Amino acid sequence: MDLSVMIPELLKALPLTLAITFTAMVVGFVLALIATTFRVRRTPVVSQLADLYVSYARSVPVVLQLFVAFYGLPLVVGLFEIEDFVSPNVAAMVGLSLYHGGYLSEVLRPAYLAVERGQHDAADSLGYTFRQKMFRVVGPQAVHIALPGYGNSIIYLIHNVALVMYIGAADVMATAHLVMERDYNQYQFETYLVLAVIYSLLCLVTWLVVRFFEMRNSKFVPNTATAKATMMASV
């Protein structure tokens, strides 16, 4: 197989892979913030629902979550008489967003709890609201603690994007299989090797970006044994 032909075909599908990854990363982060807020504040009923959501996201295999989104979304939007809205790409984004949000909540919650209790008390004594405390005192410290685990969660997300081919999304992995089928499955090794390079580069860029923010925010790291233990456990 001529690599000059195969690689451009795979790269044409890369924007969809990146779009699914970015959407799931952003929406999942918002879901994780909401779930973590309810879980740490122990809001009655809502916190139990947040725990149930996190349990679902972490317990159910990702490929099964994609199937649930793919077959469940049409039923949900059908209640609002909306047709032709759910596509494999939309289902992939929804399914991976729910997965990423639940997984990431288990990174953010320990980071929040790892911040020394005296920091919370000091902010409370100054009359800070919960939002002010998070943005000015606790948040910067928790972010630094959570960064290693957050980087890992994005890498896992990139890996799991390869599963969207099972619900019909034409990402890089699905395109690679189409290329191999077109050539009667004669060039599996070369195709999978190119895929491995593509995914390795995506993960490397992610690691470098997260590492940059880790070094930049190192001044916020709390000097406590609990925080250090949490950081080590997140790696």
C-alpha atoms as a PDB file:
ATOM      1  CA  MET A   1       0.000   0.000   0.000  1.00  0.00           C
ATOM      2  CA  ASP A   2       1.236   3.442  -0.876  1.00  0.00           C
ATOM      3  CA  LEU A   3       1.494   5.469   2.348  1.00  0.00           C
ATOM      4  CA  SER A   4       1.135   8.671   0.329  1.00  0.00           C
ATOM      5  CA  VAL A   5      -2.420   7.538  -0.457  1.00  0.00           C
ATOM      6  CA  MET A   6      -3.386   5.958   2.872  1.00  0.00           C
ATOM      7  CA  ILE A   7      -2.163   8.714   5.216  1.00  0.00           C
ATOM      8  CA  PRO A   8      -4.134  11.556   3.535  1.00  0.00           C
ATOM      9  CA  GLU A   9      -7.290   9.417   3.752  1.00  0.00           C
ATOM     10  CA  LEU A  10      -6.774   8.897   7.470  1.00  0.00           C
ATOM     11  CA  LEU A  11      -5.978  12.566   8.015  1.00  0.00           C
ATOM     12  CA  LYS A  12      -9.260  13.537   6.333  1.00  0.00           C
ATOM     13  CA  ALA A  13     -11.075  11.706   9.126  1.00  0.00           C
ATOM     14  CA  LEU A  14      -8.917  13.271  11.846  1.00  0.00           C
ATOM     15  CA  PRO A  15     -11.043  16.477  12.188  1.00  0.00           C
ATOM     16  CA  LEU A  16     -14.057  14.370  13.180  1.00  0.00           C
ATOM     17  CA  THR A  17     -11.979  12.512  15.767  1.00  0.00           C
ATOM     18  CA  LEU A  18     -10.737  15.829  17.151  1.00  0.00           C
ATOM     19  CA  ALA A  19     -14.261  17.311  17.131  1.00  0.00           C
ATOM     20  CA  ILE A  20     -15.671  14.372  19.102  1.00  0.00           C
ATOM     21  CA  THR A  21     -12.748  14.521  21.533  1.00  0.00           C
ATOM     22  CA  PHE A  22     -12.975  18.282  22.062  1.00  0.00           C
ATOM     23  CA  THR A  23     -16.755  18.256  22.495  1.00  0.00           C
ATOM     24  CA  ALA A  24     -16.629  15.396  24.991  1.00  0.00           C
ATOM     25  CA  MET A  25     -13.762  17.097  26.815  1.00  0.00           C
ATOM     26  CA  VAL A  26     -15.605  20.419  27.212  1.00  0.00           C
ATOM     27  CA  VAL A  27     -19.091  19.062  27.932  1.00  0.00           C
ATOM     28  CA  GLY A  28     -17.652  16.370  30.197  1.00  0.00           C
ATOM     29  CA  PHE A  29     -15.729  18.966  32.176  1.00  0.00           C
ATOM     30  CA  VAL A  30     -18.908  20.984  32.745  1.00  0.00           C
ATOM     31  CA  LEU A  31     -20.778  17.847  33.826  1.00  0.00           C
ATOM     32  CA  ALA A  32     -17.915  16.922  36.144  1.00  0.00           C
ATOM     33  CA  LEU A  33     -17.977  20.361  37.775  1.00  0.00           C
ATOM     34  CA  ILE A  34     -21.720  20.159  38.339  1.00  0.00           C
ATOM     35  CA  ALA A  35     -21.585  16.610  39.687  1.00  0.00           C
ATOM     36  CA  THR A  36     -18.599  17.359  41.920  1.00  0.00           C
ATOM     37  CA  THR A  37     -20.253  20.480  43.338  1.00  0.00           C
ATOM     38  CA  PHE A  38     -23.350  18.544  44.356  1.00  0.00           C
ATOM     39  CA  ARG A  39     -21.291  15.662  45.722  1.00  0.00           C
ATOM     40  CA  VAL A  40     -19.012  17.750  47.954  1.00  0.00           C
ATOM     41  CA  ARG A  41     -21.867  19.925  49.213  1.00  0.00           C
ATOM     42  CA  ARG A  42     -24.039  16.855  49.851  1.00  0.00           C
ATOM     43  CA  THR A  43     -27.210  18.467  48.552  1.00  0.00           C
ATOM     44  CA  PRO A  44     -30.121  16.162  49.481  1.00  0.00           C
ATOM     45  CA  VAL A  45     -31.415  13.957  46.654  1.00  0.00           C
ATOM     46  CA  VAL A  46     -29.355  15.777  44.008  1.00  0.00           C
ATOM     47  CA  SER A  47     -26.073  14.539  45.491  1.00  0.00           C
ATOM     48  CA  GLN A  48     -27.377  10.955  45.414  1.00  0.00           C
ATOM     49  CA  LEU A  49     -28.324  11.410  41.766  1.00  0.00           C
ATOM     50  CA  ALA A  50     -24.835  12.753  41.066  1.00  0.00           C
ATOM     51  CA  ASP A  51     -23.329   9.708  42.799  1.00  0.00           C
ATOM     52  CA  LEU A  52     -25.533   7.455  40.667  1.00  0.00           C
ATOM     53  CA  TYR A  53     -24.398   9.222  37.489  1.00  0.00           C
ATOM     54  CA  VAL A  54     -20.725   8.873  38.410  1.00  0.00           C
ATOM     55  CA  SER A  55     -21.250   5.213  39.251  1.00  0.00           C
ATOM     56  CA  TYR A  56     -22.872   4.629  35.850  1.00  0.00           C
ATOM     57  CA  ALA A  57     -20.077   6.413  33.965  1.00  0.00           C
ATOM     58  CA  ARG A  58     -17.345   4.478  35.770  1.00  0.00           C
ATOM     59  CA  SER A  59     -19.001   1.054  35.916  1.00  0.00           C
ATOM     60  CA  VAL A  60     -20.523   0.581  32.460  1.00  0.00           C
ATOM     61  CA  PRO A  61     -18.087  -0.219  29.606  1.00  0.00           C
ATOM     62  CA  VAL A  62     -17.563   2.765  27.343  1.00  0.00           C
ATOM     63  CA  VAL A  63     -18.652   0.934  24.198  1.00  0.00           C
ATOM     64  CA  LEU A  64     -21.917   0.019  25.952  1.00  0.00           C
ATOM     65  CA  GLN A  65     -22.434   3.669  26.949  1.00  0.00           C
ATOM     66  CA  LEU A  66     -22.064   4.577  23.275  1.00  0.00           C
ATOM     67  CA  PHE A  67     -24.751   2.057  22.314  1.00  0.00           C
ATOM     68  CA  VAL A  68     -27.044   3.393  25.046  1.00  0.00           C
ATOM     69  CA  ALA A  69     -26.591   6.925  23.676  1.00  0.00           C
ATOM     70  CA  PHE A  70     -27.026   5.800  20.071  1.00  0.00           C
ATOM     71  CA  TYR A  71     -30.282   3.911  20.668  1.00  0.00           C
ATOM     72  CA  GLY A  72     -31.549   5.972  23.602  1.00  0.00           C
ATOM     73  CA  LEU A  73     -31.219   9.485  22.179  1.00  0.00           C
ATOM     74  CA  PRO A  74     -33.790   8.951  19.395  1.00  0.00           C
ATOM     75  CA  LEU A  75     -36.298   7.878  22.054  1.00  0.00           C
ATOM     76  CA  VAL A  76     -35.609  11.007  24.107  1.00  0.00           C
ATOM     77  CA  VAL A  77     -35.744  13.503  21.250  1.00  0.00           C
ATOM     78  CA  GLY A  78     -38.822  11.680  19.916  1.00  0.00           C
ATOM     79  CA  LEU A  79     -40.699  12.842  22.992  1.00  0.00           C
ATOM     80  CA  PHE A  80     -40.210  16.407  21.744  1.00  0.00           C
ATOM     81  CA  GLU A  81     -41.194  15.438  18.190  1.00  0.00           C
ATOM     82  CA  ILE A  82     -37.712  16.174  16.868  1.00  0.00           C
ATOM     83  CA  GLU A  83     -36.677  14.043  13.907  1.00  0.00           C
ATOM     84  CA  ASP A  84     -33.399  13.470  12.094  1.00  0.00           C
ATOM     85  CA  PHE A  85     -31.440  15.033  14.936  1.00  0.00           C
ATOM     86  CA  VAL A  86     -29.483  12.057  16.258  1.00  0.00           C
ATOM     87  CA  SER A  87     -26.611  10.891  14.083  1.00  0.00           C
ATOM     88  CA  PRO A  88     -23.731   8.561  14.986  1.00  0.00           C
ATOM     89  CA  ASN A  89     -21.526  11.616  15.475  1.00  0.00           C
ATOM     90  CA  VAL A  90     -23.981  13.269  17.888  1.00  0.00           C
ATOM     91  CA  ALA A  91     -24.475  10.009  19.778  1.00  0.00           C
ATOM     92  CA  ALA A  92     -20.709   9.602  20.037  1.00  0.00           C
ATOM     93  CA  MET A  93     -20.323  13.090  21.487  1.00  0.00           C
ATOM     94  CA  VAL A  94     -23.143  12.571  23.992  1.00  0.00           C
ATOM     95  CA  GLY A  95     -21.992   9.129  25.077  1.00  0.00           C
ATOM     96  CA  LEU A  96     -18.363  10.134  25.533  1.00  0.00           C
ATOM     97  CA  SER A  97     -19.325  13.396  27.272  1.00  0.00           C
ATOM     98  CA  LEU A  98     -21.316  11.457  29.867  1.00  0.00           C
ATOM     99  CA  TYR A  99     -18.466   8.999  30.329  1.00  0.00           C
ATOM    100  CA  HIS A 100     -15.801  11.687  30.603  1.00  0.00           C
ATOM    101  CA  GLY A 101     -17.856  13.785  33.023  1.00  0.00           C
ATOM    102  CA  GLY A 102     -18.394  10.895  35.411  1.00  0.00           C
ATOM    103  CA  TYR A 103     -14.793   9.768  35.269  1.00  0.00           C
ATOM    104  CA  LEU A 104     -13.474  13.297  35.706  1.00  0.00           C
ATOM    105  CA  SER A 105     -15.691  13.894  38.728  1.00  0.00           C
ATOM    106  CA  GLU A 106     -13.671  11.241  40.547  1.00  0.00           C
ATOM    107  CA  VAL A 107     -10.555  13.293  39.771  1.00  0.00           C
ATOM    108  CA  LEU A 108     -11.956  16.664  40.857  1.00  0.00           C
ATOM    109  CA  ARG A 109     -13.645  15.522  44.077  1.00  0.00           C
ATOM    110  CA  PRO A 110     -10.485  14.055  45.711  1.00  0.00           C
ATOM    111  CA  ALA A 111      -8.543  17.145  44.603  1.00  0.00           C
ATOM    112  CA  TYR A 112     -11.084  19.373  46.355  1.00  0.00           C
ATOM    113  CA  LEU A 113     -11.018  17.245  49.498  1.00  0.00           C
ATOM    114  CA  ALA A 114      -7.209  17.207  49.503  1.00  0.00           C
ATOM    115  CA  VAL A 115      -7.005  20.960  50.107  1.00  0.00           C
ATOM    116  CA  GLU A 116      -6.204  21.575  53.748  1.00  0.00           C
ATOM    117  CA  ARG A 117      -9.292  22.221  55.866  1.00  0.00           C
ATOM    118  CA  GLY A 118      -7.692  25.378  57.263  1.00  0.00           C
ATOM    119  CA  GLN A 119      -7.899  26.943  53.788  1.00  0.00           C
ATOM    120  CA  HIS A 120     -11.674  26.441  53.794  1.00  0.00           C
ATOM    121  CA  ASP A 121     -12.002  27.828  57.319  1.00  0.00           C
ATOM    122  CA  ALA A 122      -9.906  30.887  56.476  1.00  0.00           C
ATOM    123  CA  ALA A 123     -12.068  31.669  53.448  1.00  0.00           C
ATOM    124  CA  ASP A 124     -15.237  31.168  55.492  1.00  0.00           C
ATOM    125  CA  SER A 125     -13.950  33.500  58.210  1.00  0.00           C
ATOM    126  CA  LEU A 126     -13.446  36.214  55.604  1.00  0.00           C
ATOM    127  CA  GLY A 127     -17.089  35.894  54.565  1.00  0.00           C
ATOM    128  CA  TYR A 128     -16.401  34.410  51.140  1.00  0.00           C
ATOM    129  CA  THR A 129     -19.298  32.770  49.347  1.00  0.00           C
ATOM    130  CA  PHE A 130     -18.801  29.224  48.050  1.00  0.00           C
ATOM    131  CA  ARG A 131     -18.100  30.605  44.575  1.00  0.00           C
ATOM    132  CA  GLN A 132     -15.572  33.168  45.857  1.00  0.00           C
ATOM    133  CA  LYS A 133     -13.868  30.531  47.962  1.00  0.00           C
ATOM    134  CA  MET A 134     -13.530  28.217  44.990  1.00  0.00           C
ATOM    135  CA  PHE A 135     -12.150  30.854  42.617  1.00  0.00           C
ATOM    136  CA  ARG A 136      -9.837  32.663  45.047  1.00  0.00           C
ATOM    137  CA  VAL A 137      -8.638  30.133  47.612  1.00  0.00           C
ATOM    138  CA  VAL A 138      -9.531  26.474  47.198  1.00  0.00           C
ATOM    139  CA  GLY A 139      -9.879  26.299  43.416  1.00  0.00           C
ATOM    140  CA  PRO A 140      -6.283  27.183  42.426  1.00  0.00           C
ATOM    141  CA  GLN A 141      -4.907  24.630  44.883  1.00  0.00           C
ATOM    142  CA  ALA A 142      -7.370  21.925  43.827  1.00  0.00           C
ATOM    143  CA  VAL A 143      -6.626  22.544  40.149  1.00  0.00           C
ATOM    144  CA  HIS A 144      -2.930  21.852  40.648  1.00  0.00           C
ATOM    145  CA  ILE A 145      -3.685  18.645  42.528  1.00  0.00           C
ATOM    146  CA  ALA A 146      -6.161  17.514  39.860  1.00  0.00           C
ATOM    147  CA  LEU A 147      -4.001  18.258  36.805  1.00  0.00           C
ATOM    148  CA  PRO A 148      -2.159  14.892  36.602  1.00  0.00           C
ATOM    149  CA  GLY A 149      -5.402  12.956  36.883  1.00  0.00           C
ATOM    150  CA  TYR A 150      -7.083  15.346  34.449  1.00  0.00           C
ATOM    151  CA  GLY A 151      -4.346  14.717  31.904  1.00  0.00           C
ATOM    152  CA  ASN A 152      -4.833  10.976  32.284  1.00  0.00           C
ATOM    153  CA  SER A 153      -8.591  11.331  31.822  1.00  0.00           C
ATOM    154  CA  ILE A 154      -8.102  13.169  28.518  1.00  0.00           C
ATOM    155  CA  ILE A 155      -5.700  10.487  27.309  1.00  0.00           C
ATOM    156  CA  TYR A 156      -8.246   7.800  28.204  1.00  0.00           C
ATOM    157  CA  LEU A 157     -10.858   9.831  26.332  1.00  0.00           C
ATOM    158  CA  ILE A 158      -8.666   9.934  23.216  1.00  0.00           C
ATOM    159  CA  HIS A 159      -8.267   6.157  23.424  1.00  0.00           C
ATOM    160  CA  ASN A 160     -12.006   5.610  23.792  1.00  0.00           C
ATOM    161  CA  VAL A 161     -12.857   7.792  20.804  1.00  0.00           C
ATOM    162  CA  ALA A 162     -11.622   4.864  18.717  1.00  0.00           C
ATOM    163  CA  LEU A 163     -14.740   2.956  19.862  1.00  0.00           C
ATOM    164  CA  VAL A 164     -17.176   5.298  18.099  1.00  0.00           C
ATOM    165  CA  MET A 165     -16.722   3.262  14.917  1.00  0.00           C
ATOM    166  CA  TYR A 166     -19.038   0.656  16.463  1.00  0.00           C
ATOM    167  CA  ILE A 167     -21.997   3.032  16.238  1.00  0.00           C
ATOM    168  CA  GLY A 168     -21.150   4.148  12.707  1.00  0.00           C
ATOM    169  CA  ALA A 169     -19.120   7.332  13.252  1.00  0.00           C
ATOM    170  CA  ALA A 170     -16.549   7.734  10.485  1.00  0.00           C
ATOM    171  CA  ASP A 171     -13.568   8.606  12.670  1.00  0.00           C
ATOM    172  CA  VAL A 172      -9.923   7.718  12.019  1.00  0.00           C
ATOM    173  CA  MET A 173     -10.336   4.129  13.196  1.00  0.00           C
ATOM    174  CA  ALA A 174     -13.427   3.523  11.057  1.00  0.00           C
ATOM    175  CA  THR A 175     -11.696   5.052   8.039  1.00  0.00           C
ATOM    176  CA  ALA A 176      -8.695   2.788   8.586  1.00  0.00           C
ATOM    177  CA  HIS A 177     -10.954  -0.273   8.485  1.00  0.00           C
ATOM    178  CA  LEU A 178     -12.580   0.954   5.288  1.00  0.00           C
ATOM    179  CA  VAL A 179      -9.145   1.416   3.733  1.00  0.00           C
ATOM    180  CA  MET A 180      -8.119  -2.104   4.714  1.00  0.00           C
ATOM    181  CA  GLU A 181     -11.355  -3.631   3.404  1.00  0.00           C
ATOM    182  CA  ARG A 182     -10.899  -1.818   0.109  1.00  0.00           C
ATOM    183  CA  ASP A 183      -7.488  -3.465  -0.244  1.00  0.00           C
ATOM    184  CA  TYR A 184      -8.790  -6.898   0.763  1.00  0.00           C
ATOM    185  CA  ASN A 185      -7.245  -6.705   4.253  1.00  0.00           C
ATOM    186  CA  GLN A 186      -3.711  -7.003   2.935  1.00  0.00           C
ATOM    187  CA  TYR A 187      -2.090  -4.101   4.772  1.00  0.00           C
ATOM    188  CA  GLN A 188      -3.265  -4.401   8.364  1.00  0.00           C
ATOM    189  CA  PHE A 189       0.161  -3.910   9.915  1.00  0.00           C
ATOM    190  CA  GLU A 190       0.983  -0.743   7.984  1.00  0.00           C
ATOM    191  CA  THR A 191      -2.455   0.744   8.626  1.00  0.00           C
ATOM    192  CA  TYR A 192      -2.469   0.009  12.349  1.00  0.00           C
ATOM    193  CA  LEU A 193       1.078   1.304  12.651  1.00  0.00           C
ATOM    194  CA  VAL A 194       0.059   4.643  11.134  1.00  0.00           C
ATOM    195  CA  LEU A 195      -2.923   4.727  13.517  1.00  0.00           C
ATOM    196  CA  ALA A 196      -0.615   4.070  16.452  1.00  0.00           C
ATOM    197  CA  VAL A 197       1.538   7.026  15.431  1.00  0.00           C
ATOM    198  CA  ILE A 198      -1.499   9.308  15.108  1.00  0.00           C
ATOM    199  CA  TYR A 199      -2.891   8.404  18.532  1.00  0.00           C
ATOM    200  CA  SER A 200       0.565   8.600  20.100  1.00  0.00           C
ATOM    201  CA  LEU A 201       1.017  12.130  18.780  1.00  0.00           C
ATOM    202  CA  LEU A 202      -2.399  13.191  20.089  1.00  0.00           C
ATOM    203  CA  CYS A 203      -1.582  11.816  23.538  1.00  0.00           C
ATOM    204  CA  LEU A 204       1.888  13.396  23.476  1.00  0.00           C
ATOM    205  CA  VAL A 205       0.445  16.827  22.714  1.00  0.00           C
ATOM    206  CA  THR A 206      -2.064  16.368  25.536  1.00  0.00           C
ATOM    207  CA  TRP A 207       0.659  15.389  27.980  1.00  0.00           C
ATOM    208  CA  LEU A 208       2.831  18.377  27.012  1.00  0.00           C
ATOM    209  CA  VAL A 209      -0.063  20.833  27.452  1.00  0.00           C
ATOM    210  CA  VAL A 210      -1.009  19.413  30.854  1.00  0.00           C
ATOM    211  CA  ARG A 211       2.635  19.363  31.910  1.00  0.00           C
ATOM    212  CA  PHE A 212       2.946  23.028  30.956  1.00  0.00           C
ATOM    213  CA  PHE A 213       0.011  23.987  33.178  1.00  0.00           C
ATOM    214  CA  GLU A 214       1.368  21.817  36.001  1.00  0.00           C
ATOM    215  CA  MET A 215       4.640  23.741  35.988  1.00  0.00           C
ATOM    216  CA  ARG A 216       2.879  27.088  35.622  1.00  0.00           C
ATOM    217  CA  ASN A 217       0.549  26.421  38.563  1.00  0.00           C
ATOM    218  CA  SER A 218       3.137  24.825  40.831  1.00  0.00           C
ATOM    219  CA  LYS A 219       3.013  27.873  43.142  1.00  0.00           C
ATOM    220  CA  PHE A 220      -0.493  26.841  44.190  1.00  0.00           C
ATOM    221  CA  VAL A 221       0.470  23.370  45.403  1.00  0.00           C
ATOM    222  CA  PRO A 222      -0.453  22.985  49.075  1.00  0.00           C
ATOM    223  CA  ASN A 223       2.301  21.699  51.281  1.00  0.00           C
ATOM    224  CA  THR A 224       0.382  18.873  52.904  1.00  0.00           C
ATOM    225  CA  ALA A 225       0.975  15.157  52.993  1.00  0.00           C
ATOM    226  CA  THR A 226      -2.595  14.489  51.893  1.00  0.00           C
ATOM    227  CA  ALA A 227      -2.270  16.605  48.765  1.00  0.00           C
ATOM    228  CA  LYS A 228       1.040  15.016  47.843  1.00  0.00           C
ATOM    229  CA  ALA A 229      -0.416  11.543  48.273  1.00  0.00           C
ATOM    230  CA  THR A 230      -3.369  12.477  46.093  1.00  0.00           C
ATOM    231  CA  MET A 231      -1.104  13.849  43.372  1.00  0.00           C
ATOM    232  CA  MET A 232       0.961  10.660  43.357  1.00  0.00           C
ATOM    233  CA  ALA A 233      -2.169   8.510  43.208  1.00  0.00           C
ATOM    234  CA  SER A 234      -3.461  10.478  40.230  1.00  0.00           C
ATOM    235  CA  VAL A 235      -0.381   9.837  38.078  1.00  0.00           C
END
